[in-house]
Amino acid sequence: MHKKELFIIHNHKNFSGAARSLGETIENLKKKINFIIICPKGSSSNFFKSLNVKVLEVKFVPRFNHFKLGYYKGFRWMMLLRELYVFIYFFFFLKKLKLNFKSINHFHLNELELIIISPLLKFFFNSKITSHLRSTIENHKGKLRYKFLKFLSKKYIDKIVAIDNDCMKTSPNKKKSIVIYNGINKKNISVKKRTKKIITFGFVGNFIKRKGIYETLSVFKKISKKHAFKLICVGQNKSQNKIIEFFKFEKNFQKYLIENNISKNNKIQILPMTFDLKNFYSKIDIILFPGFMNAVGRPVIEAALIKKPSIIALNQYNNDTAMKNNCLIFKPGDLVSFEQKILYLLKNKSQINKIGLSAFKNAKKKFDINKNSNTFYKVMRGKFD
């Protein structure tokens, strides 16, 4: 069977759950699809290279952020100056790409914020364009921007792949959208049996404000005086662009650690990002997803598949991953509630296994890598209604 060629454009240079999710799909479908990844140079491009697929590294990729967290408001409108410059840069990149690849039949965007480049893709290649939707879109504020997304998706996008029903609800074009859950390859998160009795919490992700890392460290530092536990944080301090630095949209993570004596707290361990999380998952009992996205991230699913419960920053339970009895939730930013959920599991250790088992039963039905990758493959070939 002739292998389909698929150009995938990834949005961020820093490695994240979106890159890992795409990576597992690539590994599962490499025999059926010839993947070529366009990605900003950084830890994400290094990860894709480790999968032995062709990677075209660029300096930037244009984005249009209208997600519930991070949409343009106040000084964040200044970020559009960056996007205007990057849009021009990417125009010339595609012009050069056209010289090397006369014809490209299909582009896939790994996040819908890349939809801003869809007119350029159509202009140079007149190709089919599909997109993932991995974050919920702001559809109450910025009505004109949401209409702009609806216009672009109607005119240029052939199919939108939402990773869960929460994302699906905010899609700018529901008729063209389908839910395909992330697939998780369990061999990549196989764990050793824990022997230590001390309860260990885990955080994995970029060390940036929207991920809730500062709130996590603050709460655990507070309770460390009275309670026995271990907290392991694995991630990277995301490099900032000049606009973010100038307007101080992001904190300096290393400075925060020093000012708050985190490194002197023997119950809290900060580790660098790694592509292999087996050791991390082997050491923890509970995963934390305390960010401000009001969404369920990949670590929650990975933990569920190895029978480990999660504490998630979420306004309400959902019918995908954060179901009642499968996790504990608290409203994003509510540190009192966050602390209460942590203490509940510290004081009720039997609930850790009970909630973890319930999460596992749900996850194994929905996040099978073979089933979900096969559905994605059908969509990429245009054979799914």
Protein backbone atom coordinates (compact mmCIF):
# COMPACT_ATOMS: atom_id res chain seq x y z
CA MET A 1 0.00 0.00 0.00
CA HIS A 2 1.29 3.45 -0.95
CA LYS A 3 2.22 5.48 2.13
CA LYS A 4 0.42 8.78 2.54
CA GLU A 5 2.66 11.84 2.95
CA LEU A 6 1.57 14.17 5.72
CA PHE A 7 3.18 17.49 6.63
CA ILE A 8 2.47 18.35 10.26
CA ILE A 9 3.06 21.85 11.61
CA HIS A 10 3.74 22.02 15.35
CA ASN A 11 3.27 25.28 17.23
CA HIS A 12 5.82 25.43 20.08
CA LYS A 13 9.57 24.91 20.37
CA ASN A 14 9.28 23.80 24.01
CA PHE A 15 8.38 20.15 24.54
CA SER A 16 4.88 19.60 25.91
CA GLY A 17 2.01 17.15 26.13
CA ALA A 18 0.83 18.16 22.66
CA ALA A 19 4.19 17.15 21.19
CA ARG A 20 4.20 13.88 23.14
CA SER A 21 0.64 13.06 22.00
CA LEU A 22 1.56 13.73 18.39
CA GLY A 23 4.70 11.65 18.84
CA GLU A 24 2.77 8.58 19.97
CA THR A 25 0.47 8.89 16.95
CA ILE A 26 3.51 9.14 14.69
CA GLU A 27 5.10 6.04 16.22
CA ASN A 28 1.91 4.09 15.72
CA LEU A 29 1.36 5.14 12.11
CA LYS A 30 4.89 5.36 10.67
CA LYS A 31 4.30 2.28 8.51
CA LYS A 32 1.23 3.89 6.94
CA ILE A 33 2.18 7.57 6.78
CA ASN A 34 5.36 9.36 5.78
CA PHE A 35 5.48 12.17 8.36
CA ILE A 36 7.34 15.43 7.77
CA ILE A 37 7.28 17.77 10.75
CA ILE A 38 7.64 21.56 10.55
CA CYS A 39 8.54 22.81 14.01
CA PRO A 40 10.35 25.69 15.74
CA LYS A 41 13.86 24.64 16.76
CA GLY A 42 14.00 23.53 20.38
CA SER A 43 13.19 20.61 22.66
CA SER A 44 10.07 19.78 20.61
CA SER A 45 12.02 19.45 17.35
CA ASN A 46 14.63 17.34 19.16
CA PHE A 47 11.85 15.05 20.38
CA PHE A 48 10.45 14.60 16.86
CA LYS A 49 13.95 13.86 15.55
CA SER A 50 14.24 11.08 18.14
CA LEU A 51 11.28 9.39 16.41
CA ASN A 52 13.33 9.06 13.20
CA VAL A 53 11.03 11.22 11.06
CA LYS A 54 12.02 14.14 8.85
CA VAL A 55 11.94 17.43 10.76
CA LEU A 56 12.13 20.85 9.12
CA GLU A 57 13.20 23.31 11.80
CA VAL A 58 12.09 26.92 11.59
CA LYS A 59 12.70 29.96 13.78
CA PHE A 60 9.00 30.72 14.35
CA VAL A 61 5.49 29.65 13.46
CA PRO A 62 2.64 32.25 13.38
CA ARG A 63 -0.14 31.74 15.92
CA PHE A 64 -3.49 33.34 16.71
CA ASN A 65 -4.32 32.70 20.35
CA HIS A 66 -8.00 32.87 21.21
CA PHE A 67 -8.03 30.12 23.82
CA LYS A 68 -9.85 30.60 27.11
CA LEU A 69 -6.47 31.02 28.74
CA GLY A 70 -4.12 33.39 26.96
CA TYR A 71 -6.44 35.16 24.53
CA TYR A 72 -5.49 38.72 23.61
CA LYS A 73 -6.48 41.33 26.19
CA GLY A 74 -4.76 44.30 27.79
CA PHE A 75 -1.03 44.32 27.14
CA ARG A 76 -1.27 40.86 25.57
CA TRP A 77 -2.48 42.60 22.39
CA MET A 78 1.17 43.56 21.97
CA MET A 79 1.86 39.91 21.17
CA LEU A 80 0.26 40.52 17.78
CA LEU A 81 3.34 42.55 16.85
CA ARG A 82 5.31 39.35 17.15
CA GLU A 83 2.76 37.44 15.09
CA LEU A 84 2.84 40.02 12.29
CA TYR A 85 6.61 39.70 12.01
CA VAL A 86 6.44 35.89 12.19
CA PHE A 87 3.70 35.77 9.56
CA ILE A 88 6.00 37.56 7.11
CA TYR A 89 8.88 35.24 8.05
CA PHE A 90 6.70 32.17 7.47
CA PHE A 91 5.54 33.49 4.09
CA PHE A 92 9.13 33.37 2.86
CA PHE A 93 9.68 29.97 4.49
CA LEU A 94 6.75 28.54 2.55
CA LYS A 95 8.01 30.19 -0.62
CA LYS A 96 11.31 28.35 -0.13
CA LEU A 97 9.47 25.14 0.76
CA LYS A 98 7.63 25.39 -2.54
CA LEU A 99 10.96 25.18 -4.37
CA ASN A 100 11.82 21.90 -2.62
CA PHE A 101 8.34 20.38 -2.64
CA LYS A 102 6.45 21.32 -5.77
CA SER A 103 3.31 19.65 -4.51
CA ILE A 104 2.12 19.04 -0.96
CA ASN A 105 -1.30 17.44 -0.75
CA HIS A 106 -2.01 17.62 2.96
CA PHE A 107 -1.01 19.78 5.94
CA HIS A 108 -2.09 18.99 9.49
CA LEU A 109 -1.92 21.67 12.20
CA ASN A 110 -1.14 20.29 15.65
CA GLU A 111 -3.20 23.06 17.29
CA LEU A 112 -5.97 25.29 15.97
CA GLU A 113 -4.11 28.49 16.85
CA LEU A 114 -2.04 27.75 13.72
CA ILE A 115 -5.15 28.33 11.60
CA ILE A 116 -3.81 31.82 10.88
CA ILE A 117 -1.39 30.28 8.35
CA SER A 118 -4.08 28.32 6.49
CA PRO A 119 -4.51 31.04 3.80
CA LEU A 120 -0.76 30.85 3.13
CA LEU A 121 -0.87 27.06 2.82
CA LYS A 122 -3.74 27.29 0.36
CA PHE A 123 -2.00 30.05 -1.59
CA PHE A 124 1.26 28.15 -2.07
CA PHE A 125 0.05 24.55 -2.25
CA ASN A 126 -3.76 24.51 -2.51
CA SER A 127 -3.58 21.51 -0.20
CA LYS A 128 -5.99 19.79 2.14
CA ILE A 129 -5.71 21.22 5.67
CA THR A 130 -6.78 19.50 8.87
CA SER A 131 -6.18 20.60 12.45
CA HIS A 132 -6.14 19.37 16.01
CA LEU A 133 -8.04 21.29 18.68
CA ARG A 134 -6.25 20.57 21.97
CA SER A 135 -7.41 23.55 24.06
CA THR A 136 -10.79 25.14 24.69
CA ILE A 137 -11.47 28.30 22.70
CA GLU A 138 -12.85 31.49 24.25
CA ASN A 139 -16.33 31.80 22.71
CA HIS A 140 -17.92 34.35 25.06
CA LYS A 141 -15.41 37.21 24.95
CA GLY A 142 -13.90 38.52 21.74
CA LYS A 143 -16.90 37.68 19.55
CA LEU A 144 -15.29 39.17 16.43
CA ARG A 145 -12.20 37.00 16.92
CA TYR A 146 -14.35 33.91 17.30
CA LYS A 147 -16.19 34.84 14.10
CA PHE A 148 -12.79 35.22 12.44
CA LEU A 149 -11.92 31.67 13.48
CA LYS A 150 -15.28 30.47 12.14
CA PHE A 151 -14.56 32.17 8.82
CA LEU A 152 -11.08 30.63 8.52
CA SER A 153 -12.25 27.16 9.50
CA LYS A 154 -15.16 27.27 7.06
CA LYS A 155 -13.05 28.51 4.15
CA TYR A 156 -9.76 26.67 4.66
CA ILE A 157 -10.07 23.73 7.09
CA ASP A 158 -11.31 20.31 5.95
CA LYS A 159 -11.53 18.62 9.36
CA ILE A 160 -10.96 19.53 13.02
CA VAL A 161 -9.88 16.82 15.47
CA ALA A 162 -10.92 17.75 19.03
CA ILE A 163 -9.17 15.77 21.76
CA ASP A 164 -12.22 15.68 24.04
CA ASN A 165 -15.79 16.90 24.32
CA ASP A 166 -14.83 20.05 26.23
CA CYS A 167 -12.74 21.17 23.24
CA MET A 168 -15.45 20.00 20.84
CA LYS A 169 -18.01 22.30 22.49
CA THR A 170 -15.89 25.36 21.65
CA SER A 171 -14.96 24.38 18.09
CA PRO A 172 -15.58 27.22 15.59
CA ASN A 173 -16.96 24.69 13.11
CA LYS A 174 -18.70 21.76 14.77
CA LYS A 175 -19.91 20.31 11.45
CA LYS A 176 -16.32 19.72 10.45
CA SER A 177 -15.24 18.51 13.89
CA ILE A 178 -14.80 15.06 15.34
CA VAL A 179 -13.64 13.87 18.78
CA ILE A 180 -10.62 11.58 18.76
CA TYR A 181 -9.09 11.04 22.17
CA ASN A 182 -5.33 11.08 22.58
CA GLY A 183 -3.87 7.60 22.33
CA ILE A 184 -1.45 6.51 25.04
CA ASN A 185 1.12 3.78 24.45
CA LYS A 186 1.38 2.06 27.81
CA LYS A 187 4.89 0.75 27.10
CA ASN A 188 6.12 4.36 27.33
CA ILE A 189 4.77 4.74 30.86
CA SER A 190 5.38 1.24 32.25
CA VAL A 191 6.32 1.53 35.90
CA LYS A 192 8.06 -0.40 38.65
CA LYS A 193 6.16 -1.32 41.78
CA ARG A 194 6.63 1.21 44.57
CA THR A 195 8.06 0.04 47.88
CA LYS A 196 8.29 3.30 49.81
CA LYS A 197 5.33 4.14 52.02
CA ILE A 198 5.59 7.94 51.92
CA ILE A 199 2.93 9.45 49.64
CA THR A 200 4.53 11.11 46.60
CA PHE A 201 2.85 13.71 44.39
CA GLY A 202 4.03 14.48 40.88
CA PHE A 203 3.92 17.50 38.56
CA VAL A 204 5.11 17.36 34.95
CA GLY A 205 5.02 20.29 32.52
CA ASN A 206 6.64 23.59 31.63
CA PHE A 207 7.44 25.74 34.65
CA ILE A 208 5.19 28.64 33.63
CA LYS A 209 2.33 30.48 35.36
CA ARG A 210 -0.56 28.99 33.43
CA LYS A 211 0.53 25.47 34.43
CA GLY A 212 0.00 26.26 38.13
CA ILE A 213 3.57 25.41 39.16
CA TYR A 214 3.88 28.45 41.47
CA GLU A 215 0.61 27.67 43.24
CA THR A 216 1.72 24.04 43.63
CA LEU A 217 5.04 24.97 45.21
CA SER A 218 3.34 27.51 47.48
CA VAL A 219 0.79 25.03 48.82
CA PHE A 220 3.25 22.20 49.34
CA LYS A 221 5.75 24.50 51.04
CA LYS A 222 2.99 25.59 53.42
CA ILE A 223 1.93 22.06 54.42
CA SER A 224 5.48 20.66 54.57
CA LYS A 225 5.87 21.75 58.19
CA LYS A 226 3.11 19.44 59.45
CA HIS A 227 2.78 16.60 56.93
CA ALA A 228 4.95 13.83 55.53
CA PHE A 229 5.02 13.63 51.72
CA LYS A 230 7.25 13.99 48.68
CA LEU A 231 6.66 16.30 45.70
CA ILE A 232 8.52 15.69 42.43
CA CYS A 233 8.30 18.35 39.72
CA VAL A 234 9.64 17.52 36.26
CA GLY A 235 9.76 20.24 33.62
CA GLN A 236 11.62 23.07 32.01
CA ASN A 237 11.76 26.80 32.54
CA LYS A 238 10.25 27.99 29.26
CA SER A 239 12.41 30.49 27.40
CA GLN A 240 10.67 33.80 26.86
CA ASN A 241 10.41 36.08 23.88
CA LYS A 242 11.28 39.77 24.23
CA ILE A 243 7.66 40.98 24.47
CA ILE A 244 6.87 38.55 27.30
CA GLU A 245 10.03 39.62 29.13
CA PHE A 246 9.36 43.34 28.65
CA PHE A 247 5.78 43.24 29.97
CA LYS A 248 6.62 40.60 32.60
CA PHE A 249 3.84 38.25 31.53
CA GLU A 250 5.92 35.42 32.98
CA LYS A 251 7.83 34.97 36.23
CA ASN A 252 11.51 34.03 36.48
CA PHE A 253 11.28 30.46 37.76
CA GLN A 254 14.85 30.16 39.07
CA LYS A 255 14.51 33.47 40.90
CA TYR A 256 11.27 32.27 42.48
CA LEU A 257 12.96 29.08 43.75
CA ILE A 258 15.74 31.08 45.39
CA GLU A 259 13.49 33.74 46.93
CA ASN A 260 11.16 31.10 48.43
CA ASN A 261 13.89 28.69 49.60
CA ILE A 262 12.34 25.84 47.62
CA SER A 263 15.70 24.14 47.03
CA LYS A 264 16.22 23.94 50.80
CA ASN A 265 12.95 22.03 51.30
CA ASN A 266 13.90 18.34 51.32
CA LYS A 267 10.30 17.31 50.58
CA ILE A 268 10.27 19.08 47.21
CA GLN A 269 12.40 17.95 44.26
CA ILE A 270 12.78 19.92 41.00
CA LEU A 271 14.03 17.87 38.02
CA PRO A 272 14.72 18.75 34.37
CA MET A 273 12.36 17.75 31.56
CA THR A 274 12.87 14.30 30.08
CA PHE A 275 11.28 12.49 27.13
CA ASP A 276 11.24 9.25 29.15
CA LEU A 277 8.82 9.53 32.08
CA LYS A 278 8.91 5.89 33.24
CA ASN A 279 11.13 6.69 36.22
CA PHE A 280 8.96 9.68 37.17
CA TYR A 281 5.73 7.68 37.12
CA SER A 282 7.39 4.85 39.05
CA LYS A 283 8.12 7.20 41.93
CA ILE A 284 4.76 8.94 42.33
CA ASP A 285 1.37 7.97 43.75
CA ILE A 286 -0.73 10.96 42.62
CA ILE A 287 -0.45 13.29 39.61
CA LEU A 288 -1.19 16.99 39.86
CA PHE A 289 -2.64 19.06 37.03
CA PRO A 290 -3.18 22.43 38.76
CA GLY A 291 -3.08 24.86 35.83
CA PHE A 292 -5.44 27.64 34.81
CA MET A 293 -6.57 26.11 31.48
CA ASN A 294 -9.72 24.57 33.02
CA ALA A 295 -8.86 21.43 31.07
CA VAL A 296 -7.57 17.90 31.55
CA GLY A 297 -4.00 17.36 30.38
CA ARG A 298 -2.13 14.34 29.10
CA PRO A 299 -0.45 13.56 32.49
CA VAL A 300 -3.89 12.84 33.96
CA ILE A 301 -4.56 10.22 31.28
CA GLU A 302 -1.10 8.67 31.58
CA ALA A 303 -1.48 8.40 35.34
CA ALA A 304 -4.94 6.85 35.01
CA LEU A 305 -3.58 4.11 32.74
CA ILE A 306 -1.19 3.05 35.51
CA LYS A 307 -3.93 3.26 38.14
CA LYS A 308 -2.78 6.50 39.73
CA PRO A 309 -5.32 9.20 40.67
CA SER A 310 -5.11 12.89 39.93
CA ILE A 311 -5.94 16.26 41.41
CA ILE A 312 -7.07 18.59 38.62
CA ALA A 313 -7.84 22.31 38.41
CA LEU A 314 -11.27 22.13 36.78
CA ASN A 315 -14.54 24.00 37.23
CA GLN A 316 -16.61 20.83 37.03
CA TYR A 317 -16.38 17.12 36.31
CA ASN A 318 -16.78 16.00 32.69
CA ASN A 319 -17.70 12.84 30.81
CA ASP A 320 -14.28 12.21 29.27
CA THR A 321 -11.49 11.92 31.80
CA ALA A 322 -12.41 13.92 34.89
CA MET A 323 -15.45 11.88 35.88
CA LYS A 324 -16.72 11.65 39.42
CA ASN A 325 -14.87 9.00 41.45
CA ASN A 326 -11.98 9.09 38.92
CA CYS A 327 -10.19 12.15 40.34
CA LEU A 328 -10.43 15.10 42.70
CA ILE A 329 -11.01 18.58 41.29
CA PHE A 330 -10.77 22.16 42.51
CA LYS A 331 -11.54 25.45 40.80
CA PRO A 332 -8.46 26.88 39.06
CA GLY A 333 -6.64 29.27 41.37
CA ASP A 334 -8.52 28.20 44.52
CA LEU A 335 -5.54 27.32 46.71
CA VAL A 336 -7.66 26.56 49.79
CA SER A 337 -9.55 23.89 47.88
CA PHE A 338 -6.33 22.62 46.28
CA GLU A 339 -4.78 22.19 49.73
CA GLN A 340 -7.89 20.42 50.99
CA LYS A 341 -7.73 17.85 48.17
CA ILE A 342 -4.05 17.18 48.89
CA LEU A 343 -4.68 16.71 52.61
CA TYR A 344 -7.69 14.48 51.92
CA LEU A 345 -5.49 11.96 50.11
CA LEU A 346 -2.73 12.24 52.69
CA LYS A 347 -5.24 11.41 55.43
CA ASN A 348 -7.22 8.82 53.45
CA LYS A 349 -4.57 6.66 51.78
CA SER A 350 -7.04 3.90 50.89
CA GLN A 351 -8.76 6.35 48.53
CA ILE A 352 -5.61 6.63 46.42
CA ASN A 353 -5.91 3.05 45.14
CA LYS A 354 -9.71 3.24 44.92
CA ILE A 355 -9.76 6.42 42.81
CA GLY A 356 -6.79 5.21 40.74
CA LEU A 357 -8.55 1.96 39.85
CA SER A 358 -11.73 3.80 38.83
CA ALA A 359 -9.69 6.15 36.63
CA PHE A 360 -7.96 3.17 35.01
CA LYS A 361 -11.22 1.44 34.08
CA ASN A 362 -12.37 4.59 32.28
CA ALA A 363 -9.04 5.36 30.62
CA LYS A 364 -8.43 1.92 29.12
CA LYS A 365 -11.74 2.20 27.20
CA LYS A 366 -11.05 5.64 25.72
CA PHE A 367 -7.33 6.09 25.20
CA ASP A 368 -6.24 2.98 23.35
CA ILE A 369 -3.38 4.02 21.05
CA ASN A 370 -4.21 1.52 18.27
CA LYS A 371 -7.91 2.33 18.12
CA ASN A 372 -7.47 6.12 18.27
CA SER A 373 -4.53 6.21 15.84
CA ASN A 374 -6.52 4.16 13.35
CA THR A 375 -9.40 6.64 13.58
CA PHE A 376 -6.96 9.51 13.06
CA TYR A 377 -5.54 7.68 10.02
CA LYS A 378 -9.00 7.37 8.50
CA VAL A 379 -9.62 11.08 8.99
CA MET A 380 -6.28 11.94 7.40
CA ARG A 381 -7.22 9.86 4.36
CA GLY A 382 -10.63 11.49 4.21
CA LYS A 383 -12.47 8.23 4.80
CA PHE A 384 -14.31 9.08 7.99
CA ASP A 385 -17.77 10.61 7.99
